[in-house]
Amino acid sequence: MMVTPWEVSGKIDYGKLIEQFGTEPITEDLLRRVKKKIGELHFHLKRKIFFSHREFDWILNQYELGNKFILYTGRGPSGYTHIGHLVPWIFTKYLQDKFGVKLYFQLTDDEKFLINQNLSSNEALRLTYENALDVIAVGFDKKRTFLLSDMKHADLLYNIALEIAKHVTVSTAKAVFGFKDSSNIGI
């Protein structure tokens, strides 16, 4: 079995994925907490489309204490948007609507440029624009949603990246992204 942000192959063992990526299963207790805080469960949760999480329980704890949080997701601009992109975006919109929080949506055009030797930086930016239109079409709250292109907004992202990097170990990055010793350092 091989599962990375870029590739999925073989028979999927969900228990092994939970262990490999350092996530926790979505339990009935967690679902009850979510429902208690924000009302009806999203159909992705009801139908168990998502089977695990990373620190969602911690976020709920912080929310219960009155602390705010933000949502963060993204997309590596490439071809057309498909259902694999839309499923997490639809759920992210649900969380944004229910919790009334900001969303930072990162378009990792630099990553796509570095991975694909045949992709020019201009083509990466064109794909970013096209894919940003798809993100906008999902209907995120325009006052609380910020689209960031790595290539266009490097100055804004650098200090945030430093804060995050200070708290992420190499082993965590390897577990989350499936990096190998041969992985391109730019991605």
N, C-alpha and C. Protein backbone atom coordinates (compact mmCIF):
# COMPACT_ATOMS: atom_id res chain seq x y z
N MET A 1 0.85 -1.18 0.00
CA MET A 1 0.00 0.00 0.00
C MET A 1 0.89 1.24 0.00
N MET A 2 0.56 2.19 -0.85
CA MET A 2 1.29 3.46 -0.92
C MET A 2 0.26 4.58 -0.92
N VAL A 3 0.34 5.47 0.08
CA VAL A 3 -0.54 6.63 0.14
C VAL A 3 0.30 7.84 0.50
N THR A 4 0.35 8.80 -0.40
CA THR A 4 0.98 10.10 -0.16
C THR A 4 0.02 11.15 -0.70
N PRO A 5 0.31 12.43 -0.49
CA PRO A 5 -0.56 13.45 -1.10
C PRO A 5 -0.58 13.40 -2.62
N TRP A 6 0.38 12.67 -3.21
CA TRP A 6 0.50 12.65 -4.66
C TRP A 6 0.14 11.32 -5.30
N GLU A 7 0.06 10.26 -4.50
CA GLU A 7 -0.13 8.93 -5.08
C GLU A 7 -0.85 7.99 -4.12
N VAL A 8 -1.74 7.18 -4.67
CA VAL A 8 -2.41 6.12 -3.90
C VAL A 8 -2.36 4.85 -4.74
N SER A 9 -1.87 3.76 -4.14
CA SER A 9 -1.86 2.49 -4.86
C SER A 9 -1.95 1.34 -3.86
N GLY A 10 -2.42 0.19 -4.34
CA GLY A 10 -2.52 -0.99 -3.50
C GLY A 10 -3.82 -1.03 -2.72
N LYS A 11 -4.00 -2.11 -1.94
CA LYS A 11 -5.18 -2.27 -1.09
C LYS A 11 -5.03 -1.38 0.14
N ILE A 12 -6.04 -0.58 0.42
CA ILE A 12 -5.97 0.40 1.50
C ILE A 12 -6.29 -0.25 2.84
N ASP A 13 -5.37 -0.11 3.79
CA ASP A 13 -5.54 -0.58 5.16
C ASP A 13 -5.68 0.68 6.02
N TYR A 14 -6.93 1.01 6.41
CA TYR A 14 -7.20 2.26 7.10
C TYR A 14 -6.53 2.32 8.47
N GLY A 15 -6.46 1.20 9.17
CA GLY A 15 -5.75 1.16 10.45
C GLY A 15 -4.28 1.50 10.29
N LYS A 16 -3.68 0.95 9.24
CA LYS A 16 -2.27 1.23 8.96
C LYS A 16 -2.08 2.71 8.58
N LEU A 17 -3.03 3.26 7.83
CA LEU A 17 -2.94 4.69 7.47
C LEU A 17 -2.99 5.57 8.71
N ILE A 18 -3.88 5.23 9.64
CA ILE A 18 -3.99 6.00 10.88
C ILE A 18 -2.66 5.98 11.61
N GLU A 19 -2.04 4.82 11.67
CA GLU A 19 -0.74 4.70 12.33
C GLU A 19 0.35 5.45 11.55
N GLN A 20 0.39 5.27 10.24
CA GLN A 20 1.42 5.88 9.40
C GLN A 20 1.38 7.40 9.45
N PHE A 21 0.17 7.97 9.39
CA PHE A 21 0.05 9.42 9.33
C PHE A 21 -0.16 10.07 10.69
N GLY A 22 -0.18 9.27 11.75
CA GLY A 22 -0.28 9.83 13.10
C GLY A 22 -1.62 10.49 13.37
N THR A 23 -2.70 9.94 12.81
CA THR A 23 -4.03 10.50 13.04
C THR A 23 -4.76 9.65 14.07
N GLU A 24 -5.98 10.07 14.38
CA GLU A 24 -6.83 9.34 15.32
C GLU A 24 -8.13 8.99 14.59
N PRO A 25 -8.73 7.85 14.93
CA PRO A 25 -10.02 7.52 14.30
C PRO A 25 -11.11 8.50 14.72
N ILE A 26 -12.05 8.74 13.84
CA ILE A 26 -13.22 9.55 14.19
C ILE A 26 -14.19 8.63 14.92
N THR A 27 -14.36 8.88 16.20
CA THR A 27 -15.17 8.02 17.06
C THR A 27 -16.59 8.57 17.19
N GLU A 28 -17.48 7.73 17.68
CA GLU A 28 -18.85 8.16 17.95
C GLU A 28 -18.86 9.28 18.99
N ASP A 29 -17.96 9.21 19.97
CA ASP A 29 -17.86 10.25 20.98
C ASP A 29 -17.50 11.59 20.35
N LEU A 30 -16.54 11.58 19.44
CA LEU A 30 -16.15 12.82 18.76
C LEU A 30 -17.32 13.36 17.93
N LEU A 31 -18.04 12.48 17.25
CA LEU A 31 -19.19 12.92 16.46
C LEU A 31 -20.27 13.54 17.34
N ARG A 32 -20.48 12.97 18.53
CA ARG A 32 -21.46 13.56 19.47
C ARG A 32 -21.02 14.96 19.90
N ARG A 33 -19.72 15.12 20.15
CA ARG A 33 -19.21 16.44 20.55
C ARG A 33 -19.41 17.46 19.43
N VAL A 34 -19.12 17.06 18.22
CA VAL A 34 -19.28 17.96 17.07
C VAL A 34 -20.75 18.35 16.95
N LYS A 35 -21.63 17.38 17.01
CA LYS A 35 -23.07 17.65 16.88
C LYS A 35 -23.55 18.58 17.99
N LYS A 36 -23.05 18.37 19.21
CA LYS A 36 -23.45 19.21 20.34
C LYS A 36 -23.01 20.66 20.13
N LYS A 37 -21.84 20.86 19.55
CA LYS A 37 -21.30 22.21 19.36
C LYS A 37 -21.93 22.95 18.18
N ILE A 38 -22.18 22.23 17.09
CA ILE A 38 -22.58 22.95 15.88
C ILE A 38 -23.86 22.44 15.23
N GLY A 39 -24.58 21.58 15.91
CA GLY A 39 -25.85 21.11 15.35
C GLY A 39 -25.68 19.87 14.51
N GLU A 40 -26.44 19.79 13.45
CA GLU A 40 -26.46 18.59 12.63
C GLU A 40 -25.09 18.28 12.03
N LEU A 41 -24.76 17.00 12.01
CA LEU A 41 -23.49 16.57 11.43
C LEU A 41 -23.53 16.69 9.91
N HIS A 42 -22.40 17.05 9.36
CA HIS A 42 -22.26 17.09 7.91
C HIS A 42 -22.39 15.67 7.35
N PHE A 43 -22.94 15.55 6.15
CA PHE A 43 -23.15 14.22 5.58
C PHE A 43 -21.85 13.45 5.38
N HIS A 44 -20.72 14.14 5.24
CA HIS A 44 -19.44 13.43 5.14
C HIS A 44 -19.12 12.69 6.44
N LEU A 45 -19.52 13.29 7.57
CA LEU A 45 -19.31 12.63 8.85
C LEU A 45 -20.33 11.52 9.07
N LYS A 46 -21.59 11.79 8.74
CA LYS A 46 -22.64 10.78 8.90
C LYS A 46 -22.33 9.53 8.09
N ARG A 47 -21.84 9.72 6.90
CA ARG A 47 -21.58 8.59 6.00
C ARG A 47 -20.17 8.03 6.14
N LYS A 48 -19.42 8.56 7.09
CA LYS A 48 -18.06 8.08 7.39
C LYS A 48 -17.13 8.18 6.18
N ILE A 49 -17.30 9.24 5.41
CA ILE A 49 -16.39 9.50 4.30
C ILE A 49 -15.00 9.81 4.86
N PHE A 50 -14.98 10.51 5.99
CA PHE A 50 -13.72 10.75 6.71
C PHE A 50 -13.64 9.74 7.83
N PHE A 51 -12.51 9.08 7.96
CA PHE A 51 -12.36 8.03 8.97
C PHE A 51 -11.38 8.41 10.07
N SER A 52 -10.60 9.47 9.87
CA SER A 52 -9.65 9.86 10.91
C SER A 52 -9.44 11.37 10.88
N HIS A 53 -8.75 11.85 11.90
CA HIS A 53 -8.51 13.29 12.03
C HIS A 53 -7.17 13.51 12.71
N ARG A 54 -6.73 14.74 12.66
CA ARG A 54 -5.53 15.14 13.38
C ARG A 54 -5.91 16.32 14.27
N GLU A 55 -6.06 16.05 15.56
CA GLU A 55 -6.29 17.05 16.60
C GLU A 55 -7.62 17.78 16.50
N PHE A 56 -8.63 17.19 15.87
CA PHE A 56 -9.95 17.81 15.84
C PHE A 56 -10.52 17.90 17.25
N ASP A 57 -10.24 16.90 18.07
CA ASP A 57 -10.69 16.94 19.46
C ASP A 57 -10.04 18.10 20.21
N TRP A 58 -8.77 18.37 19.94
CA TRP A 58 -8.06 19.50 20.56
C TRP A 58 -8.70 20.82 20.13
N ILE A 59 -9.05 20.92 18.85
CA ILE A 59 -9.71 22.14 18.35
C ILE A 59 -11.04 22.34 19.06
N LEU A 60 -11.81 21.28 19.22
CA LEU A 60 -13.08 21.39 19.95
C LEU A 60 -12.84 21.82 21.39
N ASN A 61 -11.81 21.28 22.03
CA ASN A 61 -11.47 21.69 23.40
C ASN A 61 -11.18 23.19 23.45
N GLN A 62 -10.37 23.67 22.51
CA GLN A 62 -10.02 25.09 22.48
C GLN A 62 -11.26 25.94 22.22
N TYR A 63 -12.11 25.49 21.32
CA TYR A 63 -13.35 26.21 21.01
C TYR A 63 -14.23 26.31 22.25
N GLU A 64 -14.32 25.21 23.00
CA GLU A 64 -15.11 25.21 24.24
C GLU A 64 -14.55 26.18 25.27
N LEU A 65 -13.23 26.41 25.22
CA LEU A 65 -12.60 27.37 26.14
C LEU A 65 -12.72 28.81 25.65
N GLY A 66 -13.34 29.00 24.49
CA GLY A 66 -13.52 30.34 23.94
C GLY A 66 -12.39 30.80 23.04
N ASN A 67 -11.46 29.92 22.73
CA ASN A 67 -10.35 30.28 21.84
C ASN A 67 -10.76 30.11 20.38
N LYS A 68 -10.23 30.97 19.56
CA LYS A 68 -10.55 30.93 18.13
C LYS A 68 -9.52 30.06 17.40
N PHE A 69 -9.88 29.65 16.21
CA PHE A 69 -8.97 28.90 15.35
C PHE A 69 -9.23 29.32 13.92
N ILE A 70 -8.34 28.93 13.05
CA ILE A 70 -8.53 29.18 11.62
C ILE A 70 -8.52 27.83 10.90
N LEU A 71 -9.04 27.83 9.70
CA LEU A 71 -8.98 26.66 8.83
C LEU A 71 -7.89 26.89 7.79
N TYR A 72 -7.25 25.81 7.43
CA TYR A 72 -6.20 25.88 6.41
C TYR A 72 -6.32 24.65 5.52
N THR A 73 -6.35 24.89 4.24
CA THR A 73 -6.30 23.80 3.27
C THR A 73 -5.67 24.35 2.00
N GLY A 74 -5.66 23.57 0.97
CA GLY A 74 -5.05 24.06 -0.25
C GLY A 74 -5.18 23.08 -1.39
N ARG A 75 -4.46 23.43 -2.44
CA ARG A 75 -4.48 22.62 -3.65
C ARG A 75 -3.22 22.92 -4.43
N GLY A 76 -2.65 21.87 -4.99
CA GLY A 76 -1.55 22.05 -5.92
C GLY A 76 -2.12 22.25 -7.31
N PRO A 77 -2.06 23.45 -7.84
CA PRO A 77 -2.68 23.73 -9.14
C PRO A 77 -2.15 22.81 -10.23
N SER A 78 -3.08 22.18 -10.89
CA SER A 78 -2.74 21.32 -12.02
C SER A 78 -3.91 21.36 -12.98
N GLY A 79 -4.40 20.25 -13.40
CA GLY A 79 -5.50 20.21 -14.35
C GLY A 79 -6.82 20.57 -13.72
N TYR A 80 -7.85 19.93 -14.22
CA TYR A 80 -9.20 20.23 -13.79
C TYR A 80 -9.44 19.78 -12.35
N THR A 81 -10.32 20.51 -11.68
CA THR A 81 -10.75 20.13 -10.33
C THR A 81 -11.66 18.92 -10.45
N HIS A 82 -11.48 17.96 -9.53
CA HIS A 82 -12.29 16.74 -9.56
C HIS A 82 -12.86 16.47 -8.17
N ILE A 83 -13.62 15.40 -8.04
CA ILE A 83 -14.31 15.08 -6.79
C ILE A 83 -13.33 14.93 -5.62
N GLY A 84 -12.13 14.43 -5.90
CA GLY A 84 -11.12 14.30 -4.86
C GLY A 84 -10.71 15.63 -4.26
N HIS A 85 -10.80 16.70 -5.03
CA HIS A 85 -10.55 18.05 -4.51
C HIS A 85 -11.78 18.56 -3.76
N LEU A 86 -12.95 18.35 -4.36
CA LEU A 86 -14.18 18.94 -3.84
C LEU A 86 -14.62 18.38 -2.49
N VAL A 87 -14.41 17.10 -2.24
CA VAL A 87 -14.89 16.49 -0.99
C VAL A 87 -14.34 17.24 0.23
N PRO A 88 -13.03 17.41 0.37
CA PRO A 88 -12.56 18.15 1.56
C PRO A 88 -12.93 19.63 1.53
N TRP A 89 -13.05 20.23 0.35
CA TRP A 89 -13.43 21.64 0.29
C TRP A 89 -14.86 21.84 0.78
N ILE A 90 -15.76 20.94 0.39
CA ILE A 90 -17.15 21.05 0.84
C ILE A 90 -17.23 20.92 2.36
N PHE A 91 -16.45 20.01 2.91
CA PHE A 91 -16.43 19.85 4.37
C PHE A 91 -15.81 21.08 5.03
N THR A 92 -14.77 21.63 4.44
CA THR A 92 -14.14 22.84 4.97
C THR A 92 -15.13 24.00 4.97
N LYS A 93 -15.93 24.12 3.92
CA LYS A 93 -16.95 25.18 3.87
C LYS A 93 -17.95 24.99 5.01
N TYR A 94 -18.36 23.77 5.24
CA TYR A 94 -19.26 23.46 6.36
C TYR A 94 -18.65 23.93 7.69
N LEU A 95 -17.38 23.60 7.91
CA LEU A 95 -16.72 24.03 9.16
C LEU A 95 -16.65 25.55 9.24
N GLN A 96 -16.32 26.21 8.12
CA GLN A 96 -16.25 27.67 8.11
C GLN A 96 -17.61 28.27 8.44
N ASP A 97 -18.65 27.75 7.84
CA ASP A 97 -20.00 28.26 8.08
C ASP A 97 -20.44 28.03 9.52
N LYS A 98 -20.21 26.84 10.04
CA LYS A 98 -20.68 26.49 11.39
C LYS A 98 -19.90 27.18 12.50
N PHE A 99 -18.59 27.31 12.33
CA PHE A 99 -17.77 27.93 13.37
C PHE A 99 -17.53 29.41 13.12
N GLY A 100 -17.86 29.92 11.93
CA GLY A 100 -17.66 31.33 11.63
C GLY A 100 -16.20 31.75 11.65
N VAL A 101 -15.33 30.92 11.06
CA VAL A 101 -13.89 31.16 11.14
C VAL A 101 -13.30 31.52 9.79
N LYS A 102 -12.08 32.04 9.85
CA LYS A 102 -11.34 32.38 8.64
C LYS A 102 -10.77 31.11 8.02
N LEU A 103 -10.59 31.17 6.69
CA LEU A 103 -9.98 30.09 5.94
C LEU A 103 -8.81 30.65 5.13
N TYR A 104 -7.67 30.02 5.28
CA TYR A 104 -6.51 30.31 4.43
C TYR A 104 -6.37 29.15 3.46
N PHE A 105 -6.51 29.46 2.18
CA PHE A 105 -6.46 28.45 1.13
C PHE A 105 -5.19 28.67 0.32
N GLN A 106 -4.25 27.75 0.47
CA GLN A 106 -2.94 27.88 -0.16
C GLN A 106 -2.91 27.15 -1.50
N LEU A 107 -2.51 27.86 -2.53
CA LEU A 107 -2.34 27.29 -3.86
C LEU A 107 -0.84 27.08 -4.07
N THR A 108 -0.43 25.83 -4.02
CA THR A 108 0.99 25.50 -4.00
C THR A 108 1.57 25.37 -5.41
N ASP A 109 1.52 26.48 -6.12
CA ASP A 109 2.02 26.51 -7.49
C ASP A 109 3.53 26.28 -7.55
N ASP A 110 4.25 26.70 -6.52
CA ASP A 110 5.69 26.46 -6.48
C ASP A 110 6.00 24.97 -6.42
N GLU A 111 5.22 24.24 -5.64
CA GLU A 111 5.40 22.79 -5.53
C GLU A 111 5.19 22.11 -6.88
N LYS A 112 4.11 22.48 -7.56
CA LYS A 112 3.83 21.88 -8.87
C LYS A 112 4.94 22.21 -9.86
N PHE A 113 5.45 23.43 -9.80
CA PHE A 113 6.55 23.84 -10.67
C PHE A 113 7.79 23.00 -10.40
N LEU A 114 8.09 22.75 -9.12
CA LEU A 114 9.29 21.99 -8.76
C LEU A 114 9.16 20.50 -9.09
N ILE A 115 7.98 19.95 -8.96
CA ILE A 115 7.78 18.52 -9.21
C ILE A 115 7.78 18.20 -10.70
N ASN A 116 7.18 19.08 -11.50
CA ASN A 116 7.01 18.82 -12.93
C ASN A 116 8.08 19.55 -13.73
N GLN A 117 9.05 18.82 -14.23
CA GLN A 117 10.15 19.42 -14.98
C GLN A 117 9.68 20.10 -16.27
N ASN A 118 8.51 19.73 -16.78
CA ASN A 118 8.00 20.30 -18.03
C ASN A 118 7.07 21.49 -17.83
N LEU A 119 6.83 21.87 -16.58
CA LEU A 119 5.90 22.96 -16.28
C LEU A 119 6.67 24.27 -16.10
N SER A 120 6.32 25.28 -16.89
CA SER A 120 6.95 26.59 -16.73
C SER A 120 6.30 27.33 -15.57
N SER A 121 6.98 28.32 -15.04
CA SER A 121 6.40 29.10 -13.94
C SER A 121 5.16 29.85 -14.42
N ASN A 122 5.15 30.33 -15.66
CA ASN A 122 3.97 31.01 -16.19
C ASN A 122 2.77 30.07 -16.28
N GLU A 123 3.00 28.83 -16.70
CA GLU A 123 1.92 27.86 -16.78
C GLU A 123 1.42 27.50 -15.38
N ALA A 124 2.33 27.41 -14.42
CA ALA A 124 1.92 27.14 -13.03
C ALA A 124 1.02 28.26 -12.51
N LEU A 125 1.35 29.49 -12.83
CA LEU A 125 0.52 30.63 -12.40
C LEU A 125 -0.83 30.63 -13.12
N ARG A 126 -0.85 30.26 -14.40
CA ARG A 126 -2.11 30.18 -15.13
C ARG A 126 -3.03 29.13 -14.50
N LEU A 127 -2.46 27.98 -14.17
CA LEU A 127 -3.24 26.92 -13.52
C LEU A 127 -3.74 27.38 -12.15
N THR A 128 -2.93 28.15 -11.45
CA THR A 128 -3.33 28.68 -10.15
C THR A 128 -4.58 29.54 -10.30
N TYR A 129 -4.58 30.42 -11.28
CA TYR A 129 -5.74 31.28 -11.53
C TYR A 129 -6.97 30.44 -11.85
N GLU A 130 -6.82 29.47 -12.75
CA GLU A 130 -7.95 28.62 -13.13
C GLU A 130 -8.49 27.85 -11.93
N ASN A 131 -7.60 27.28 -11.13
CA ASN A 131 -8.03 26.50 -9.97
C ASN A 131 -8.61 27.39 -8.89
N ALA A 132 -8.15 28.64 -8.78
CA ALA A 132 -8.72 29.58 -7.80
C ALA A 132 -10.19 29.85 -8.12
N LEU A 133 -10.52 29.91 -9.40
CA LEU A 133 -11.92 30.09 -9.79
C LEU A 133 -12.78 28.92 -9.31
N ASP A 134 -12.23 27.72 -9.35
CA ASP A 134 -12.96 26.54 -8.86
C ASP A 134 -13.18 26.65 -7.35
N VAL A 135 -12.18 27.11 -6.64
CA VAL A 135 -12.30 27.27 -5.18
C VAL A 135 -13.39 28.29 -4.86
N ILE A 136 -13.37 29.40 -5.56
CA ILE A 136 -14.37 30.46 -5.34
C ILE A 136 -15.77 29.92 -5.59
N ALA A 137 -15.91 29.06 -6.60
CA ALA A 137 -17.22 28.51 -6.96
C ALA A 137 -17.83 27.64 -5.85
N VAL A 138 -17.02 27.15 -4.93
CA VAL A 138 -17.53 26.34 -3.82
C VAL A 138 -18.41 27.19 -2.90
N GLY A 139 -18.16 28.49 -2.85
CA GLY A 139 -19.01 29.38 -2.07
C GLY A 139 -18.50 29.72 -0.68
N PHE A 140 -17.20 29.64 -0.48
CA PHE A 140 -16.64 30.06 0.81
C PHE A 140 -17.00 31.51 1.09
N ASP A 141 -17.05 31.88 2.36
CA ASP A 141 -17.35 33.25 2.77
C ASP A 141 -16.23 34.16 2.27
N LYS A 142 -16.57 35.06 1.35
CA LYS A 142 -15.54 35.89 0.73
C LYS A 142 -14.88 36.87 1.70
N LYS A 143 -15.54 37.19 2.80
CA LYS A 143 -14.94 38.10 3.78
C LYS A 143 -13.99 37.37 4.73
N ARG A 144 -14.10 36.05 4.78
CA ARG A 144 -13.27 35.28 5.71
C ARG A 144 -12.40 34.24 5.01
N THR A 145 -12.25 34.37 3.71
CA THR A 145 -11.45 33.41 2.94
C THR A 145 -10.32 34.14 2.23
N PHE A 146 -9.12 33.61 2.36
CA PHE A 146 -7.94 34.22 1.78
C PHE A 146 -7.24 33.18 0.90
N LEU A 147 -7.17 33.46 -0.39
CA LEU A 147 -6.47 32.58 -1.33
C LEU A 147 -5.04 33.07 -1.47
N LEU A 148 -4.10 32.16 -1.30
CA LEU A 148 -2.69 32.52 -1.35
C LEU A 148 -1.95 31.66 -2.36
N SER A 149 -1.34 32.30 -3.32
CA SER A 149 -0.46 31.62 -4.27
C SER A 149 0.96 31.68 -3.70
N ASP A 150 1.61 30.53 -3.58
CA ASP A 150 2.97 30.53 -3.05
C ASP A 150 3.89 31.41 -3.89
N MET A 151 3.74 31.36 -5.20
CA MET A 151 4.63 32.13 -6.07
C MET A 151 4.34 33.63 -6.01
N LYS A 152 3.09 34.00 -5.82
CA LYS A 152 2.73 35.42 -5.78
C LYS A 152 2.78 36.01 -4.37
N HIS A 153 2.65 35.18 -3.35
CA HIS A 153 2.55 35.68 -1.98
C HIS A 153 3.67 35.16 -1.07
N ALA A 154 4.82 34.86 -1.62
CA ALA A 154 5.92 34.32 -0.82
C ALA A 154 6.27 35.24 0.35
N ASP A 155 6.17 36.54 0.12
CA ASP A 155 6.50 37.49 1.19
C ASP A 155 5.53 37.36 2.37
N LEU A 156 4.27 37.10 2.10
CA LEU A 156 3.28 36.93 3.17
C LEU A 156 3.44 35.59 3.88
N LEU A 157 3.80 34.58 3.11
CA LEU A 157 3.85 33.22 3.64
C LEU A 157 5.12 32.92 4.44
N TYR A 158 6.18 33.64 4.18
CA TYR A 158 7.47 33.27 4.77
C TYR A 158 7.44 33.29 6.30
N ASN A 159 6.95 34.35 6.89
CA ASN A 159 6.93 34.43 8.36
C ASN A 159 6.00 33.38 8.97
N ILE A 160 4.88 33.11 8.30
CA ILE A 160 3.97 32.06 8.77
C ILE A 160 4.67 30.70 8.67
N ALA A 161 5.36 30.47 7.56
CA ALA A 161 6.07 29.21 7.37
C ALA A 161 7.14 29.02 8.45
N LEU A 162 7.80 30.09 8.83
CA LEU A 162 8.80 30.01 9.90
C LEU A 162 8.17 29.59 11.21
N GLU A 163 7.02 30.18 11.54
CA GLU A 163 6.33 29.83 12.79
C GLU A 163 5.92 28.36 12.80
N ILE A 164 5.43 27.90 11.68
CA ILE A 164 5.03 26.49 11.58
C ILE A 164 6.25 25.58 11.63
N ALA A 165 7.29 25.93 10.86
CA ALA A 165 8.49 25.10 10.80
C ALA A 165 9.14 24.93 12.17
N LYS A 166 9.00 25.92 13.00
CA LYS A 166 9.59 25.86 14.34
C LYS A 166 8.98 24.74 15.18
N HIS A 167 7.77 24.31 14.82
CA HIS A 167 7.05 23.31 15.61
C HIS A 167 6.85 21.98 14.90
N VAL A 168 7.38 21.83 13.69
CA VAL A 168 7.19 20.59 12.94
C VAL A 168 8.54 19.90 12.77
N THR A 169 8.60 18.66 13.23
CA THR A 169 9.84 17.90 13.11
C THR A 169 9.92 17.23 11.74
N VAL A 170 11.11 16.79 11.38
CA VAL A 170 11.31 16.08 10.12
C VAL A 170 10.48 14.80 10.12
N SER A 171 10.43 14.10 11.25
CA SER A 171 9.67 12.85 11.30
C SER A 171 8.17 13.11 11.10
N THR A 172 7.66 14.21 11.63
CA THR A 172 6.25 14.55 11.41
C THR A 172 6.00 14.86 9.94
N ALA A 173 6.87 15.65 9.33
CA ALA A 173 6.72 15.98 7.91
C ALA A 173 6.78 14.72 7.05
N LYS A 174 7.68 13.81 7.39
CA LYS A 174 7.77 12.55 6.64
C LYS A 174 6.49 11.74 6.79
N ALA A 175 5.96 11.68 8.00
CA ALA A 175 4.73 10.91 8.24
C ALA A 175 3.54 11.52 7.52
N VAL A 176 3.40 12.84 7.57
CA VAL A 176 2.24 13.50 6.97
C VAL A 176 2.31 13.50 5.45
N PHE A 177 3.47 13.79 4.91
CA PHE A 177 3.58 13.96 3.46
C PHE A 177 4.19 12.78 2.73
N GLY A 178 4.66 11.78 3.47
CA GLY A 178 5.25 10.62 2.82
C GLY A 178 6.59 10.90 2.18
N PHE A 179 7.30 11.92 2.67
CA PHE A 179 8.61 12.24 2.11
C PHE A 179 9.56 11.06 2.26
N LYS A 180 10.44 10.94 1.30
CA LYS A 180 11.51 9.95 1.35
C LYS A 180 12.82 10.71 1.31
N ASP A 181 13.92 10.01 1.53
CA ASP A 181 15.22 10.68 1.45
C ASP A 181 15.48 11.22 0.05
N SER A 182 14.82 10.68 -0.95
CA SER A 182 15.00 11.13 -2.32
C SER A 182 14.03 12.25 -2.72
N SER A 183 13.15 12.68 -1.81
CA SER A 183 12.16 13.72 -2.13
C SER A 183 12.84 15.05 -2.44
N ASN A 184 12.26 15.80 -3.36
CA ASN A 184 12.75 17.13 -3.72
C ASN A 184 12.59 18.05 -2.51
N ILE A 185 13.64 18.71 -2.07
CA ILE A 185 13.61 19.58 -0.89
C ILE A 185 12.64 20.75 -1.07
N GLY A 186 12.37 21.14 -2.30
CA GLY A 186 11.47 22.25 -2.56
C GLY A 186 10.01 21.96 -2.30
N ILE A 187 9.65 20.69 -2.30
CA ILE A 187 8.24 20.38 -2.11
C ILE A 187 7.90 20.32 -0.65
